[in-house]
Amino acid sequence: MVINLNKYRKQRERAEAEQRAAENRVRFGRSKAARTKDLQERQRTEKSIDGKHLGERDPET
């Protein structure tokens, strides 16, 4: 019986990579609520800054 070690090695590497990916998703992932909160805060800040312009804004810039 012949055992293909390359096939076993690649299968093991794929499983390890998937495990690392799952750990990274937990460690670095952000919830939808957190992303939405940041987006709303950024939009509120931009709107506040836009409202404080003293003169005419050049639409080309």
C-alpha atoms as a PDB file:
ATOM      1  CA  MET A   1       0.000   0.000   0.000  1.00  0.00           C
ATOM      2  CA  VAL A   2       1.320   3.417  -1.012  1.00  0.00           C
ATOM      3  CA  ILE A   3       0.622   6.465   1.137  1.00  0.00           C
ATOM      4  CA  ASN A   4       0.732   9.868  -0.498  1.00  0.00           C
ATOM      5  CA  LEU A   5       2.400  12.040   2.132  1.00  0.00           C
ATOM      6  CA  ASN A   6       1.938  15.233   0.118  1.00  0.00           C
ATOM      7  CA  LYS A   7      -1.829  14.776   0.187  1.00  0.00           C
ATOM      8  CA  TYR A   8      -1.775  14.248   3.964  1.00  0.00           C
ATOM      9  CA  ARG A   9       0.540  17.249   4.485  1.00  0.00           C
ATOM     10  CA  LYS A  10      -1.641  19.562   2.382  1.00  0.00           C
ATOM     11  CA  GLN A  11      -4.791  18.384   4.137  1.00  0.00           C
ATOM     12  CA  ARG A  12      -3.190  19.048   7.537  1.00  0.00           C
ATOM     13  CA  GLU A  13      -2.008  22.526   6.428  1.00  0.00           C
ATOM     14  CA  ARG A  14      -5.485  23.426   5.183  1.00  0.00           C
ATOM     15  CA  ALA A  15      -7.016  22.366   8.495  1.00  0.00           C
ATOM     16  CA  GLU A  16      -4.442  24.410  10.434  1.00  0.00           C
ATOM     17  CA  ALA A  17      -5.039  27.456   8.216  1.00  0.00           C
ATOM     18  CA  GLU A  18      -8.794  27.177   8.757  1.00  0.00           C
ATOM     19  CA  GLN A  19      -8.241  26.969  12.516  1.00  0.00           C
ATOM     20  CA  ARG A  20      -6.050  30.108  12.459  1.00  0.00           C
ATOM     21  CA  ALA A  21      -8.659  31.898  10.331  1.00  0.00           C
ATOM     22  CA  ALA A  22     -11.403  31.037  12.818  1.00  0.00           C
ATOM     23  CA  GLU A  23      -9.287  32.323  15.706  1.00  0.00           C
ATOM     24  CA  ASN A  24      -8.540  35.558  13.824  1.00  0.00           C
ATOM     25  CA  ARG A  25     -12.215  36.102  13.024  1.00  0.00           C
ATOM     26  CA  VAL A  26     -12.989  35.928  16.725  1.00  0.00           C
ATOM     27  CA  ARG A  27     -10.005  38.042  17.759  1.00  0.00           C
ATOM     28  CA  PHE A  28     -10.115  40.783  15.111  1.00  0.00           C
ATOM     29  CA  GLY A  29     -13.653  40.680  13.749  1.00  0.00           C
ATOM     30  CA  ARG A  30     -16.068  43.484  14.462  1.00  0.00           C
ATOM     31  CA  SER A  31     -19.771  43.077  14.927  1.00  0.00           C
ATOM     32  CA  LYS A  32     -22.222  44.699  12.562  1.00  0.00           C
ATOM     33  CA  ALA A  33     -23.432  46.910  15.406  1.00  0.00           C
ATOM     34  CA  ALA A  34     -19.908  48.245  15.994  1.00  0.00           C
ATOM     35  CA  ARG A  35     -19.378  48.964  12.278  1.00  0.00           C
ATOM     36  CA  THR A  36     -22.764  50.712  12.053  1.00  0.00           C
ATOM     37  CA  LYS A  37     -22.031  52.802  15.129  1.00  0.00           C
ATOM     38  CA  ASP A  38     -18.693  53.959  13.684  1.00  0.00           C
ATOM     39  CA  LEU A  39     -20.303  54.774  10.327  1.00  0.00           C
ATOM     40  CA  GLN A  40     -23.037  56.846  11.973  1.00  0.00           C
ATOM     41  CA  GLU A  41     -20.502  58.678  14.135  1.00  0.00           C
ATOM     42  CA  ARG A  42     -18.346  59.466  11.085  1.00  0.00           C
ATOM     43  CA  GLN A  43     -21.380  60.765   9.162  1.00  0.00           C
ATOM     44  CA  ARG A  44     -22.471  62.906  12.121  1.00  0.00           C
ATOM     45  CA  THR A  45     -18.962  64.390  12.393  1.00  0.00           C
ATOM     46  CA  GLU A  46     -18.790  65.162   8.659  1.00  0.00           C
ATOM     47  CA  LYS A  47     -22.223  66.813   8.781  1.00  0.00           C
ATOM     48  CA  SER A  48     -21.179  68.888  11.788  1.00  0.00           C
ATOM     49  CA  ILE A  49     -17.979  70.031  10.079  1.00  0.00           C
ATOM     50  CA  ASP A  50     -19.817  70.831   6.826  1.00  0.00           C
ATOM     51  CA  GLY A  51     -22.259  73.016   8.745  1.00  0.00           C
ATOM     52  CA  LYS A  52     -19.476  75.169  10.194  1.00  0.00           C
ATOM     53  CA  HIS A  53     -18.114  76.557   6.913  1.00  0.00           C
ATOM     54  CA  LEU A  54     -18.140  80.332   6.840  1.00  0.00           C
ATOM     55  CA  GLY A  55     -18.370  81.014   3.123  1.00  0.00           C
ATOM     56  CA  GLU A  56     -19.417  79.480  -0.123  1.00  0.00           C
ATOM     57  CA  ARG A  57     -17.912  76.082  -0.728  1.00  0.00           C
ATOM     58  CA  ASP A  58     -16.329  75.462  -4.095  1.00  0.00           C
ATOM     59  CA  PRO A  59     -18.179  72.396  -5.478  1.00  0.00           C
ATOM     60  CA  GLU A  60     -15.086  71.321  -7.415  1.00  0.00           C
ATOM     61  CA  THR A  61     -12.976  70.772  -4.288  1.00  0.00           C
END
